[in-house]
Amino acid sequence: MLATVSATESLTAALIVASLALPLGPLLALLPLLGLALNGTSSVLYGTVPELVPEDRRARAFAVFYTGGSVASGAGPLLGGAIGDAVGLGPMTALLAAASLATIPLAIALRPSLAR
């Protein structure tokens, strides 16, 4: 899990940073790879829920996990747009890349729970 999350989040951050410098054509070619990297992390994280939560609490854990993802999907663009309006598109994009990398220490913190 840790290797996949580290690889996909690092790739996501690198592609986000690259998007700042690329002209439109190469950027459009890069976007499907960015989508794959984003999806790779979410798939791994979904798969860790059963390893981290006892069987009798999994339904609730998945409910919290999916609800949190839905709330973030709705609130993220609004918050990102407001921050982008305040600081500009370039800094906001760099902030997204940094947020992507912030997932790696969280995954490292889960490592002991997954070793059981």
PDB file of N, CA and C in Angstrom:
ATOM      1  N   MET A   1       0.819  -1.182   0.000  1.00  0.00           N
ATOM      2  CA  MET A   1       0.000   0.000   0.000  1.00  0.00           C
ATOM      3  C   MET A   1       0.865   1.249   0.000  1.00  0.00           C
ATOM      4  N   LEU A   2       1.865   1.275   0.862  1.00  0.00           N
ATOM      5  CA  LEU A   2       2.697   2.460   0.983  1.00  0.00           C
ATOM      6  C   LEU A   2       3.427   2.772  -0.318  1.00  0.00           C
ATOM      7  N   ALA A   3       3.965   1.762  -0.966  1.00  0.00           N
ATOM      8  CA  ALA A   3       4.690   1.992  -2.221  1.00  0.00           C
ATOM      9  C   ALA A   3       3.761   2.533  -3.309  1.00  0.00           C
ATOM     10  N   THR A   4       2.555   1.989  -3.394  1.00  0.00           N
ATOM     11  CA  THR A   4       1.618   2.448  -4.421  1.00  0.00           C
ATOM     12  C   THR A   4       1.156   3.863  -4.146  1.00  0.00           C
ATOM     13  N   VAL A   5       0.795   4.160  -2.900  1.00  0.00           N
ATOM     14  CA  VAL A   5       0.362   5.519  -2.556  1.00  0.00           C
ATOM     15  C   VAL A   5       1.504   6.506  -2.803  1.00  0.00           C
ATOM     16  N   SER A   6       2.705   6.155  -2.383  1.00  0.00           N
ATOM     17  CA  SER A   6       3.852   7.054  -2.598  1.00  0.00           C
ATOM     18  C   SER A   6       4.094   7.300  -4.086  1.00  0.00           C
ATOM     19  N   ALA A   7       4.043   6.242  -4.871  1.00  0.00           N
ATOM     20  CA  ALA A   7       4.283   6.390  -6.313  1.00  0.00           C
ATOM     21  C   ALA A   7       3.183   7.196  -6.988  1.00  0.00           C
ATOM     22  N   THR A   8       1.930   6.866  -6.693  1.00  0.00           N
ATOM     23  CA  THR A   8       0.841   7.560  -7.394  1.00  0.00           C
ATOM     24  C   THR A   8       0.718   9.011  -6.939  1.00  0.00           C
ATOM     25  N   GLU A   9       0.913   9.276  -5.662  1.00  0.00           N
ATOM     26  CA  GLU A   9       0.822  10.661  -5.192  1.00  0.00           C
ATOM     27  C   GLU A   9       2.012  11.488  -5.671  1.00  0.00           C
ATOM     28  N   SER A  10       3.193  10.895  -5.714  1.00  0.00           N
ATOM     29  CA  SER A  10       4.357  11.609  -6.256  1.00  0.00           C
ATOM     30  C   SER A  10       4.160  11.914  -7.737  1.00  0.00           C
ATOM     31  N   LEU A  11       3.650  10.922  -8.480  1.00  0.00           N
ATOM     32  CA  LEU A  11       3.374  11.138  -9.901  1.00  0.00           C
ATOM     33  C   LEU A  11       2.307  12.213 -10.079  1.00  0.00           C
ATOM     34  N   THR A  12       1.267  12.174  -9.257  1.00  0.00           N
ATOM     35  CA  THR A  12       0.217  13.194  -9.322  1.00  0.00           C
ATOM     36  C   THR A  12       0.810  14.579  -9.100  1.00  0.00           C
ATOM     37  N   ALA A  13       1.616  14.726  -8.054  1.00  0.00           N
ATOM     38  CA  ALA A  13       2.217  16.030  -7.752  1.00  0.00           C
ATOM     39  C   ALA A  13       3.125  16.496  -8.897  1.00  0.00           C
ATOM     40  N   ALA A  14       3.920  15.585  -9.437  1.00  0.00           N
ATOM     41  CA  ALA A  14       4.824  15.954 -10.532  1.00  0.00           C
ATOM     42  C   ALA A  14       4.038  16.390 -11.768  1.00  0.00           C
ATOM     43  N   LEU A  15       2.962  15.685 -12.071  1.00  0.00           N
ATOM     44  CA  LEU A  15       2.162  16.043 -13.245  1.00  0.00           C
ATOM     45  C   LEU A  15       1.422  17.359 -13.035  1.00  0.00           C
ATOM     46  N   ILE A  16       0.985  17.618 -11.813  1.00  0.00           N
ATOM     47  CA  ILE A  16       0.342  18.902 -11.521  1.00  0.00           C
ATOM     48  C   ILE A  16       1.340  20.029 -11.708  1.00  0.00           C
ATOM     49  N   VAL A  17       2.549  19.872 -11.187  1.00  0.00           N
ATOM     50  CA  VAL A  17       3.584  20.898 -11.351  1.00  0.00           C
ATOM     51  C   VAL A  17       3.933  21.068 -12.836  1.00  0.00           C
ATOM     52  N   ALA A  18       4.030  19.957 -13.557  1.00  0.00           N
ATOM     53  CA  ALA A  18       4.328  20.034 -14.999  1.00  0.00           C
ATOM     54  C   ALA A  18       3.243  20.800 -15.742  1.00  0.00           C
ATOM     55  N   SER A  19       2.007  20.683 -15.274  1.00  0.00           N
ATOM     56  CA  SER A  19       0.910  21.371 -15.961  1.00  0.00           C
ATOM     57  C   SER A  19       1.068  22.884 -15.926  1.00  0.00           C
ATOM     58  N   LEU A  20       1.822  23.375 -14.962  1.00  0.00           N
ATOM     59  CA  LEU A  20       2.043  24.817 -14.872  1.00  0.00           C
ATOM     60  C   LEU A  20       2.887  25.344 -16.036  1.00  0.00           C
ATOM     61  N   ALA A  21       3.760  24.513 -16.563  1.00  0.00           N
ATOM     62  CA  ALA A  21       4.705  24.965 -17.581  1.00  0.00           C
ATOM     63  C   ALA A  21       4.328  24.552 -19.002  1.00  0.00           C
ATOM     64  N   LEU A  22       3.401  23.626 -19.138  1.00  0.00           N
ATOM     65  CA  LEU A  22       3.109  23.069 -20.461  1.00  0.00           C
ATOM     66  C   LEU A  22       2.115  23.919 -21.249  1.00  0.00           C
ATOM     67  N   PRO A  23       2.333  24.008 -22.557  1.00  0.00           N
ATOM     68  CA  PRO A  23       1.307  24.618 -23.402  1.00  0.00           C
ATOM     69  C   PRO A  23       0.099  23.678 -23.515  1.00  0.00           C
ATOM     70  N   LEU A  24      -0.978  24.172 -24.075  1.00  0.00           N
ATOM     71  CA  LEU A  24      -2.245  23.454 -24.077  1.00  0.00           C
ATOM     72  C   LEU A  24      -2.164  22.054 -24.689  1.00  0.00           C
ATOM     73  N   GLY A  25      -1.539  21.882 -25.829  1.00  0.00           N
ATOM     74  CA  GLY A  25      -1.487  20.576 -26.490  1.00  0.00           C
ATOM     75  C   GLY A  25      -0.859  19.500 -25.624  1.00  0.00           C
ATOM     76  N   PRO A  26       0.374  19.706 -25.182  1.00  0.00           N
ATOM     77  CA  PRO A  26       0.987  18.702 -24.295  1.00  0.00           C
ATOM     78  C   PRO A  26       0.226  18.533 -22.974  1.00  0.00           C
ATOM     79  N   LEU A  27      -0.361  19.606 -22.473  1.00  0.00           N
ATOM     80  CA  LEU A  27      -1.137  19.510 -21.242  1.00  0.00           C
ATOM     81  C   LEU A  27      -2.329  18.578 -21.434  1.00  0.00           C
ATOM     82  N   LEU A  28      -3.022  18.707 -22.551  1.00  0.00           N
ATOM     83  CA  LEU A  28      -4.162  17.830 -22.812  1.00  0.00           C
ATOM     84  C   LEU A  28      -3.732  16.375 -22.939  1.00  0.00           C
ATOM     85  N   ALA A  29      -2.552  16.144 -23.482  1.00  0.00           N
ATOM     86  CA  ALA A  29      -2.035  14.782 -23.591  1.00  0.00           C
ATOM     87  C   ALA A  29      -1.665  14.219 -22.213  1.00  0.00           C
ATOM     88  N   LEU A  30      -1.273  15.085 -21.307  1.00  0.00           N
ATOM     89  CA  LEU A  30      -0.849  14.686 -19.968  1.00  0.00           C
ATOM     90  C   LEU A  30      -2.031  14.362 -19.045  1.00  0.00           C
ATOM     91  N   LEU A  31      -3.182  14.963 -19.287  1.00  0.00           N
ATOM     92  CA  LEU A  31      -4.310  14.833 -18.366  1.00  0.00           C
ATOM     93  C   LEU A  31      -4.793  13.388 -18.144  1.00  0.00           C
ATOM     94  N   PRO A  32      -4.846  12.530 -19.178  1.00  0.00           N
ATOM     95  CA  PRO A  32      -5.250  11.148 -18.884  1.00  0.00           C
ATOM     96  C   PRO A  32      -4.293  10.433 -17.918  1.00  0.00           C
ATOM     97  N   LEU A  33      -3.002  10.699 -18.036  1.00  0.00           N
ATOM     98  CA  LEU A  33      -2.041  10.102 -17.103  1.00  0.00           C
ATOM     99  C   LEU A  33      -2.265  10.640 -15.690  1.00  0.00           C
ATOM    100  N   LEU A  34      -2.570  11.910 -15.585  1.00  0.00           N
ATOM    101  CA  LEU A  34      -2.879  12.492 -14.281  1.00  0.00           C
ATOM    102  C   LEU A  34      -4.111  11.814 -13.677  1.00  0.00           C
ATOM    103  N   GLY A  35      -5.117  11.569 -14.485  1.00  0.00           N
ATOM    104  CA  GLY A  35      -6.309  10.874 -14.013  1.00  0.00           C
ATOM    105  C   GLY A  35      -6.004   9.466 -13.534  1.00  0.00           C
ATOM    106  N   LEU A  36      -5.137   8.763 -14.250  1.00  0.00           N
ATOM    107  CA  LEU A  36      -4.743   7.411 -13.828  1.00  0.00           C
ATOM    108  C   LEU A  36      -4.023   7.436 -12.482  1.00  0.00           C
ATOM    109  N   ALA A  37      -3.145   8.404 -12.312  1.00  0.00           N
ATOM    110  CA  ALA A  37      -2.417   8.508 -11.045  1.00  0.00           C
ATOM    111  C   ALA A  37      -3.388   8.790  -9.904  1.00  0.00           C
ATOM    112  N   LEU A  38      -4.324   9.693 -10.114  1.00  0.00           N
ATOM    113  CA  LEU A  38      -5.308   9.996  -9.077  1.00  0.00           C
ATOM    114  C   LEU A  38      -6.162   8.775  -8.746  1.00  0.00           C
ATOM    115  N   ASN A  39      -6.582   8.054  -9.748  1.00  0.00           N
ATOM    116  CA  ASN A  39      -7.418   6.882  -9.530  1.00  0.00           C
ATOM    117  C   ASN A  39      -6.634   5.757  -8.841  1.00  0.00           C
ATOM    118  N   GLY A  40      -5.362   5.652  -9.124  1.00  0.00           N
ATOM    119  CA  GLY A  40      -4.548   4.610  -8.494  1.00  0.00           C
ATOM    120  C   GLY A  40      -4.516   4.748  -6.990  1.00  0.00           C
ATOM    121  N   THR A  41      -4.374   5.957  -6.503  1.00  0.00           N
ATOM    122  CA  THR A  41      -4.350   6.165  -5.062  1.00  0.00           C
ATOM    123  C   THR A  41      -5.695   5.844  -4.442  1.00  0.00           C
ATOM    124  N   SER A  42      -6.763   6.321  -5.036  1.00  0.00           N
ATOM    125  CA  SER A  42      -8.075   6.090  -4.421  1.00  0.00           C
ATOM    126  C   SER A  42      -8.407   4.603  -4.386  1.00  0.00           C
ATOM    127  N   SER A  43      -8.033   3.868  -5.413  1.00  0.00           N
ATOM    128  CA  SER A  43      -8.298   2.425  -5.421  1.00  0.00           C
ATOM    129  C   SER A  43      -7.558   1.724  -4.290  1.00  0.00           C
ATOM    130  N   VAL A  44      -6.325   2.097  -4.057  1.00  0.00           N
ATOM    131  CA  VAL A  44      -5.545   1.482  -2.973  1.00  0.00           C
ATOM    132  C   VAL A  44      -6.149   1.848  -1.622  1.00  0.00           C
ATOM    133  N   LEU A  45      -6.548   3.097  -1.463  1.00  0.00           N
ATOM    134  CA  LEU A  45      -7.106   3.513  -0.178  1.00  0.00           C
ATOM    135  C   LEU A  45      -8.429   2.816   0.115  1.00  0.00           C
ATOM    136  N   TYR A  46      -9.267   2.618  -0.903  1.00  0.00           N
ATOM    137  CA  TYR A  46     -10.512   1.869  -0.702  1.00  0.00           C
ATOM    138  C   TYR A  46     -10.192   0.458  -0.222  1.00  0.00           C
ATOM    139  N   GLY A  47      -9.168  -0.133  -0.777  1.00  0.00           N
ATOM    140  CA  GLY A  47      -8.808  -1.496  -0.429  1.00  0.00           C
ATOM    141  C   GLY A  47      -8.242  -1.656   0.965  1.00  0.00           C
ATOM    142  N   THR A  48      -7.766  -0.577   1.574  1.00  0.00           N
ATOM    143  CA  THR A  48      -7.203  -0.685   2.920  1.00  0.00           C
ATOM    144  C   THR A  48      -8.257  -0.635   4.012  1.00  0.00           C
ATOM    145  N   VAL A  49      -9.451  -0.158   3.688  1.00  0.00           N
ATOM    146  CA  VAL A  49     -10.487  -0.054   4.727  1.00  0.00           C
ATOM    147  C   VAL A  49     -10.728  -1.398   5.415  1.00  0.00           C
ATOM    148  N   PRO A  50     -10.904  -2.499   4.675  1.00  0.00           N
ATOM    149  CA  PRO A  50     -11.129  -3.779   5.364  1.00  0.00           C
ATOM    150  C   PRO A  50      -9.944  -4.224   6.227  1.00  0.00           C
ATOM    151  N   GLU A  51      -8.748  -3.769   5.886  1.00  0.00           N
ATOM    152  CA  GLU A  51      -7.577  -4.160   6.666  1.00  0.00           C
ATOM    153  C   GLU A  51      -7.448  -3.347   7.950  1.00  0.00           C
ATOM    154  N   LEU A  52      -8.077  -2.174   7.983  1.00  0.00           N
ATOM    155  CA  LEU A  52      -7.932  -1.279   9.131  1.00  0.00           C
ATOM    156  C   LEU A  52      -9.109  -1.331  10.100  1.00  0.00           C
ATOM    157  N   VAL A  53     -10.236  -1.881   9.657  1.00  0.00           N
ATOM    158  CA  VAL A  53     -11.463  -1.809  10.451  1.00  0.00           C
ATOM    159  C   VAL A  53     -11.987  -3.225  10.706  1.00  0.00           C
ATOM    160  N   PRO A  54     -12.372  -3.530  11.944  1.00  0.00           N
ATOM    161  CA  PRO A  54     -12.958  -4.844  12.226  1.00  0.00           C
ATOM    162  C   PRO A  54     -14.215  -5.073  11.373  1.00  0.00           C
ATOM    163  N   GLU A  55     -14.476  -6.326  11.076  1.00  0.00           N
ATOM    164  CA  GLU A  55     -15.567  -6.676  10.166  1.00  0.00           C
ATOM    165  C   GLU A  55     -16.915  -6.099  10.599  1.00  0.00           C
ATOM    166  N   ASP A  56     -17.196  -6.085  11.888  1.00  0.00           N
ATOM    167  CA  ASP A  56     -18.492  -5.599  12.361  1.00  0.00           C
ATOM    168  C   ASP A  56     -18.646  -4.082  12.231  1.00  0.00           C
ATOM    169  N   ARG A  57     -17.585  -3.371  11.914  1.00  0.00           N
ATOM    170  CA  ARG A  57     -17.655  -1.909  11.776  1.00  0.00           C
ATOM    171  C   ARG A  57     -17.356  -1.438  10.352  1.00  0.00           C
ATOM    172  N   ARG A  58     -17.192  -2.351   9.425  1.00  0.00           N
ATOM    173  CA  ARG A  58     -16.811  -1.976   8.060  1.00  0.00           C
ATOM    174  C   ARG A  58     -17.877  -1.177   7.338  1.00  0.00           C
ATOM    175  N   ALA A  59     -19.141  -1.518   7.523  1.00  0.00           N
ATOM    176  CA  ALA A  59     -20.200  -0.766   6.832  1.00  0.00           C
ATOM    177  C   ALA A  59     -20.131   0.703   7.219  1.00  0.00           C
ATOM    178  N   ARG A  60     -19.964   0.965   8.498  1.00  0.00           N
ATOM    179  CA  ARG A  60     -19.858   2.354   8.962  1.00  0.00           C
ATOM    180  C   ARG A  60     -18.575   3.004   8.436  1.00  0.00           C
ATOM    181  N   ALA A  61     -17.488   2.260   8.453  1.00  0.00           N
ATOM    182  CA  ALA A  61     -16.217   2.814   7.972  1.00  0.00           C
ATOM    183  C   ALA A  61     -16.313   3.208   6.496  1.00  0.00           C
ATOM    184  N   PHE A  62     -16.909   2.338   5.685  1.00  0.00           N
ATOM    185  CA  PHE A  62     -17.069   2.682   4.271  1.00  0.00           C
ATOM    186  C   PHE A  62     -18.014   3.869   4.108  1.00  0.00           C
ATOM    187  N   ALA A  63     -19.057   3.938   4.933  1.00  0.00           N
ATOM    188  CA  ALA A  63     -19.974   5.075   4.850  1.00  0.00           C
ATOM    189  C   ALA A  63     -19.246   6.381   5.157  1.00  0.00           C
ATOM    190  N   VAL A  64     -18.430   6.370   6.195  1.00  0.00           N
ATOM    191  CA  VAL A  64     -17.661   7.570   6.542  1.00  0.00           C
ATOM    192  C   VAL A  64     -16.661   7.892   5.433  1.00  0.00           C
ATOM    193  N   PHE A  65     -15.995   6.871   4.921  1.00  0.00           N
ATOM    194  CA  PHE A  65     -14.993   7.060   3.867  1.00  0.00           C
ATOM    195  C   PHE A  65     -15.619   7.691   2.620  1.00  0.00           C
ATOM    196  N   TYR A  66     -16.730   7.103   2.153  1.00  0.00           N
ATOM    197  CA  TYR A  66     -17.366   7.609   0.934  1.00  0.00           C
ATOM    198  C   TYR A  66     -18.029   8.955   1.155  1.00  0.00           C
ATOM    199  N   THR A  67     -18.616   9.166   2.328  1.00  0.00           N
ATOM    200  CA  THR A  67     -19.228  10.468   2.613  1.00  0.00           C
ATOM    201  C   THR A  67     -18.157  11.551   2.656  1.00  0.00           C
ATOM    202  N   GLY A  68     -17.042  11.243   3.297  1.00  0.00           N
ATOM    203  CA  GLY A  68     -15.942  12.213   3.332  1.00  0.00           C
ATOM    204  C   GLY A  68     -15.446  12.546   1.941  1.00  0.00           C
ATOM    205  N   GLY A  69     -15.342  11.535   1.091  1.00  0.00           N
ATOM    206  CA  GLY A  69     -14.918  11.777  -0.292  1.00  0.00           C
ATOM    207  C   GLY A  69     -15.917  12.617  -1.058  1.00  0.00           C
ATOM    208  N   SER A  70     -17.193  12.364  -0.845  1.00  0.00           N
ATOM    209  CA  SER A  70     -18.226  13.143  -1.529  1.00  0.00           C
ATOM    210  C   SER A  70     -18.230  14.595  -1.066  1.00  0.00           C
ATOM    211  N   VAL A  71     -18.100  14.803   0.241  1.00  0.00           N
ATOM    212  CA  VAL A  71     -18.063  16.163   0.778  1.00  0.00           C
ATOM    213  C   VAL A  71     -16.832  16.899   0.237  1.00  0.00           C
ATOM    214  N   ALA A  72     -15.688  16.219   0.234  1.00  0.00           N
ATOM    215  CA  ALA A  72     -14.474  16.846  -0.283  1.00  0.00           C
ATOM    216  C   ALA A  72     -14.601  17.159  -1.771  1.00  0.00           C
ATOM    217  N   SER A  73     -15.269  16.281  -2.520  1.00  0.00           N
ATOM    218  CA  SER A  73     -15.456  16.522  -3.955  1.00  0.00           C
ATOM    219  C   SER A  73     -16.341  17.729  -4.211  1.00  0.00           C
ATOM    220  N   GLY A  74     -17.258  17.985  -3.313  1.00  0.00           N
ATOM    221  CA  GLY A  74     -18.115  19.157  -3.459  1.00  0.00           C
ATOM    222  C   GLY A  74     -17.474  20.432  -2.939  1.00  0.00           C
ATOM    223  N   ALA A  75     -16.829  20.330  -1.788  1.00  0.00           N
ATOM    224  CA  ALA A  75     -16.249  21.518  -1.161  1.00  0.00           C
ATOM    225  C   ALA A  75     -14.901  21.901  -1.768  1.00  0.00           C
ATOM    226  N   GLY A  76     -14.152  20.918  -2.258  1.00  0.00           N
ATOM    227  CA  GLY A  76     -12.817  21.186  -2.785  1.00  0.00           C
ATOM    228  C   GLY A  76     -12.769  22.225  -3.891  1.00  0.00           C
ATOM    229  N   PRO A  77     -13.591  22.096  -4.922  1.00  0.00           N
ATOM    230  CA  PRO A  77     -13.558  23.113  -5.979  1.00  0.00           C
ATOM    231  C   PRO A  77     -13.957  24.507  -5.490  1.00  0.00           C
ATOM    232  N   LEU A  78     -14.912  24.565  -4.559  1.00  0.00           N
ATOM    233  CA  LEU A  78     -15.310  25.871  -4.028  1.00  0.00           C
ATOM    234  C   LEU A  78     -14.172  26.515  -3.241  1.00  0.00           C
ATOM    235  N   LEU A  79     -13.565  25.722  -2.369  1.00  0.00           N
ATOM    236  CA  LEU A  79     -12.441  26.225  -1.575  1.00  0.00           C
ATOM    237  C   LEU A  79     -11.243  26.529  -2.465  1.00  0.00           C
ATOM    238  N   GLY A  80     -10.948  25.620  -3.383  1.00  0.00           N
ATOM    239  CA  GLY A  80      -9.833  25.849  -4.304  1.00  0.00           C
ATOM    240  C   GLY A  80     -10.045  27.080  -5.165  1.00  0.00           C
ATOM    241  N   GLY A  81     -11.268  27.282  -5.623  1.00  0.00           N
ATOM    242  CA  GLY A  81     -11.570  28.473  -6.415  1.00  0.00           C
ATOM    243  C   GLY A  81     -11.386  29.751  -5.625  1.00  0.00           C
ATOM    244  N   ALA A  82     -11.845  29.741  -4.377  1.00  0.00           N
ATOM    245  CA  ALA A  82     -11.688  30.926  -3.532  1.00  0.00           C
ATOM    246  C   ALA A  82     -10.212  31.218  -3.268  1.00  0.00           C
ATOM    247  N   ILE A  83      -9.459  30.169  -2.966  1.00  0.00           N
ATOM    248  CA  ILE A  83      -8.015  30.357  -2.735  1.00  0.00           C
ATOM    249  C   ILE A  83      -7.338  30.801  -4.021  1.00  0.00           C
ATOM    250  N   GLY A  84      -7.711  30.180  -5.143  1.00  0.00           N
ATOM    251  CA  GLY A  84      -7.143  30.575  -6.433  1.00  0.00           C
ATOM    252  C   GLY A  84      -7.438  32.019  -6.775  1.00  0.00           C
ATOM    253  N   ASP A  85      -8.642  32.483  -6.468  1.00  0.00           N
ATOM    254  CA  ASP A  85      -8.980  33.890  -6.695  1.00  0.00           C
ATOM    255  C   ASP A  85      -8.108  34.804  -5.844  1.00  0.00           C
ATOM    256  N   ALA A  86      -7.788  34.354  -4.635  1.00  0.00           N
ATOM    257  CA  ALA A  86      -7.001  35.183  -3.718  1.00  0.00           C
ATOM    258  C   ALA A  86      -5.514  35.201  -4.055  1.00  0.00           C
ATOM    259  N   VAL A  87      -4.960  34.047  -4.442  1.00  0.00           N
ATOM    260  CA  VAL A  87      -3.508  33.972  -4.627  1.00  0.00           C
ATOM    261  C   VAL A  87      -3.080  33.786  -6.077  1.00  0.00           C
ATOM    262  N   GLY A  88      -3.997  33.413  -6.945  1.00  0.00           N
ATOM    263  CA  GLY A  88      -3.661  33.193  -8.348  1.00  0.00           C
ATOM    264  C   GLY A  88      -3.642  31.715  -8.696  1.00  0.00           C
ATOM    265  N   LEU A  89      -3.768  31.430  -9.983  1.00  0.00           N
ATOM    266  CA  LEU A  89      -3.859  30.054 -10.459  1.00  0.00           C
ATOM    267  C   LEU A  89      -2.560  29.266 -10.238  1.00  0.00           C
ATOM    268  N   GLY A  90      -1.412  29.877 -10.512  1.00  0.00           N
ATOM    269  CA  GLY A  90      -0.126  29.178 -10.338  1.00  0.00           C
ATOM    270  C   GLY A  90       0.107  28.733  -8.905  1.00  0.00           C
ATOM    271  N   PRO A  91       0.010  29.647  -7.939  1.00  0.00           N
ATOM    272  CA  PRO A  91       0.199  29.219  -6.544  1.00  0.00           C
ATOM    273  C   PRO A  91      -0.844  28.202  -6.079  1.00  0.00           C
ATOM    274  N   MET A  92      -2.067  28.351  -6.535  1.00  0.00           N
ATOM    275  CA  MET A  92      -3.093  27.384  -6.141  1.00  0.00           C
ATOM    276  C   MET A  92      -2.778  26.007  -6.717  1.00  0.00           C
ATOM    277  N   THR A  93      -2.310  25.956  -7.934  1.00  0.00           N
ATOM    278  CA  THR A  93      -1.945  24.682  -8.547  1.00  0.00           C
ATOM    279  C   THR A  93      -0.776  24.048  -7.794  1.00  0.00           C
ATOM    280  N   ALA A  94       0.199  24.851  -7.406  1.00  0.00           N
ATOM    281  CA  ALA A  94       1.325  24.344  -6.613  1.00  0.00           C
ATOM    282  C   ALA A  94       0.838  23.834  -5.255  1.00  0.00           C
ATOM    283  N   LEU A  95      -0.141  24.511  -4.681  1.00  0.00           N
ATOM    284  CA  LEU A  95      -0.713  24.066  -3.411  1.00  0.00           C
ATOM    285  C   LEU A  95      -1.399  22.709  -3.566  1.00  0.00           C
ATOM    286  N   LEU A  96      -2.064  22.493  -4.695  1.00  0.00           N
ATOM    287  CA  LEU A  96      -2.678  21.187  -4.963  1.00  0.00           C
ATOM    288  C   LEU A  96      -1.615  20.088  -5.034  1.00  0.00           C
ATOM    289  N   ALA A  97      -0.494  20.399  -5.665  1.00  0.00           N
ATOM    290  CA  ALA A  97       0.595  19.419  -5.735  1.00  0.00           C
ATOM    291  C   ALA A  97       1.121  19.101  -4.339  1.00  0.00           C
ATOM    292  N   ALA A  98       1.269  20.131  -3.510  1.00  0.00           N
ATOM    293  CA  ALA A  98       1.742  19.909  -2.136  1.00  0.00           C
ATOM    294  C   ALA A  98       0.733  19.092  -1.339  1.00  0.00           C
ATOM    295  N   ALA A  99      -0.551  19.352  -1.528  1.00  0.00           N
ATOM    296  CA  ALA A  99      -1.587  18.581  -0.830  1.00  0.00           C
ATOM    297  C   ALA A  99      -1.540  17.120  -1.249  1.00  0.00           C
ATOM    298  N   SER A 100      -1.250  16.890  -2.508  1.00  0.00           N
ATOM    299  CA  SER A 100      -1.127  15.518  -2.993  1.00  0.00           C
ATOM    300  C   SER A 100       0.015  14.800  -2.265  1.00  0.00           C
ATOM    301  N   LEU A 101       1.117  15.473  -2.094  1.00  0.00           N
ATOM    302  CA  LEU A 101       2.263  14.872  -1.394  1.00  0.00           C
ATOM    303  C   LEU A 101       1.995  14.674   0.099  1.00  0.00           C
ATOM    304  N   ALA A 102       1.071  15.445   0.665  1.00  0.00           N
ATOM    305  CA  ALA A 102       0.756  15.324   2.091  1.00  0.00           C
ATOM    306  C   ALA A 102       0.134  13.971   2.419  1.00  0.00           C
ATOM    307  N   THR A 103      -0.362  13.274   1.412  1.00  0.00           N
ATOM    308  CA  THR A 103      -0.942  11.952   1.625  1.00  0.00           C
ATOM    309  C   THR A 103       0.117  10.923   2.013  1.00  0.00           C
ATOM    310  N   ILE A 104       1.338  11.118   1.563  1.00  0.00           N
ATOM    311  CA  ILE A 104       2.394  10.129   1.810  1.00  0.00           C
ATOM    312  C   ILE A 104       2.692   9.962   3.311  1.00  0.00           C
ATOM    313  N   PRO A 105       2.885  11.041   4.077  1.00  0.00           N
ATOM    314  CA  PRO A 105       3.105  10.835   5.515  1.00  0.00           C
ATOM    315  C   PRO A 105       1.905  10.178   6.220  1.00  0.00           C
ATOM    316  N   LEU A 106       0.705  10.463   5.730  1.00  0.00           N
ATOM    317  CA  LEU A 106      -0.473   9.817   6.313  1.00  0.00           C
ATOM    318  C   LEU A 106      -0.447   8.313   6.056  1.00  0.00           C
ATOM    319  N   ALA A 107      -0.036   7.925   4.862  1.00  0.00           N
ATOM    320  CA  ALA A 107       0.072   6.502   4.543  1.00  0.00           C
ATOM    321  C   ALA A 107       1.160   5.843   5.388  1.00  0.00           C
ATOM    322  N   ILE A 108       2.247   6.545   5.605  1.00  0.00           N
ATOM    323  CA  ILE A 108       3.317   6.006   6.447  1.00  0.00           C
ATOM    324  C   ILE A 108       2.801   5.781   7.870  1.00  0.00           C
ATOM    325  N   ALA A 109       1.973   6.697   8.355  1.00  0.00           N
ATOM    326  CA  ALA A 109       1.419   6.555   9.704  1.00  0.00           C
ATOM    327  C   ALA A 109       0.505   5.336   9.815  1.00  0.00           C
ATOM    328  N   LEU A 110      -0.107   4.914   8.708  1.00  0.00           N
ATOM    329  CA  LEU A 110      -0.976   3.740   8.724  1.00  0.00           C
ATOM    330  C   LEU A 110      -0.214   2.430   8.653  1.00  0.00           C
ATOM    331  N   ARG A 111       1.044   2.477   8.282  1.00  0.00           N
ATOM    332  CA  ARG A 111       1.827   1.265   8.074  1.00  0.00           C
ATOM    333  C   ARG A 111       1.754   0.272   9.240  1.00  0.00           C
ATOM    334  N   PRO A 112       1.903   0.708  10.493  1.00  0.00           N
ATOM    335  CA  PRO A 112       1.824  -0.278  11.590  1.00  0.00           C
ATOM    336  C   PRO A 112       0.474  -0.990  11.662  1.00  0.00           C
ATOM    337  N   SER A 113      -0.592  -0.304  11.333  1.00  0.00           N
ATOM    338  CA  SER A 113      -1.927  -0.924  11.376  1.00  0.00           C
ATOM    339  C   SER A 113      -2.103  -1.950  10.280  1.00  0.00           C
ATOM    340  N   LEU A 114      -1.420  -1.771   9.176  1.00  0.00           N
ATOM    341  CA  LEU A 114      -1.551  -2.695   8.061  1.00  0.00           C
ATOM    342  C   LEU A 114      -0.653  -3.920   8.204  1.00  0.00           C
ATOM    343  N   ALA A 115       0.309  -3.866   9.117  1.00  0.00           N
ATOM    344  CA  ALA A 115       1.255  -4.962   9.298  1.00  0.00           C
ATOM    345  C   ALA A 115       0.677  -6.091  10.158  1.00  0.00           C
ATOM    346  N   ARG A 116      -0.479  -5.875  10.747  1.00  0.00           N
ATOM    347  CA  ARG A 116      -1.074  -6.876  11.644  1.00  0.00           C
ATOM    348  C   ARG A 116      -1.335  -8.177  10.977  1.00  0.00           C
TER     349      ARG A 116
END
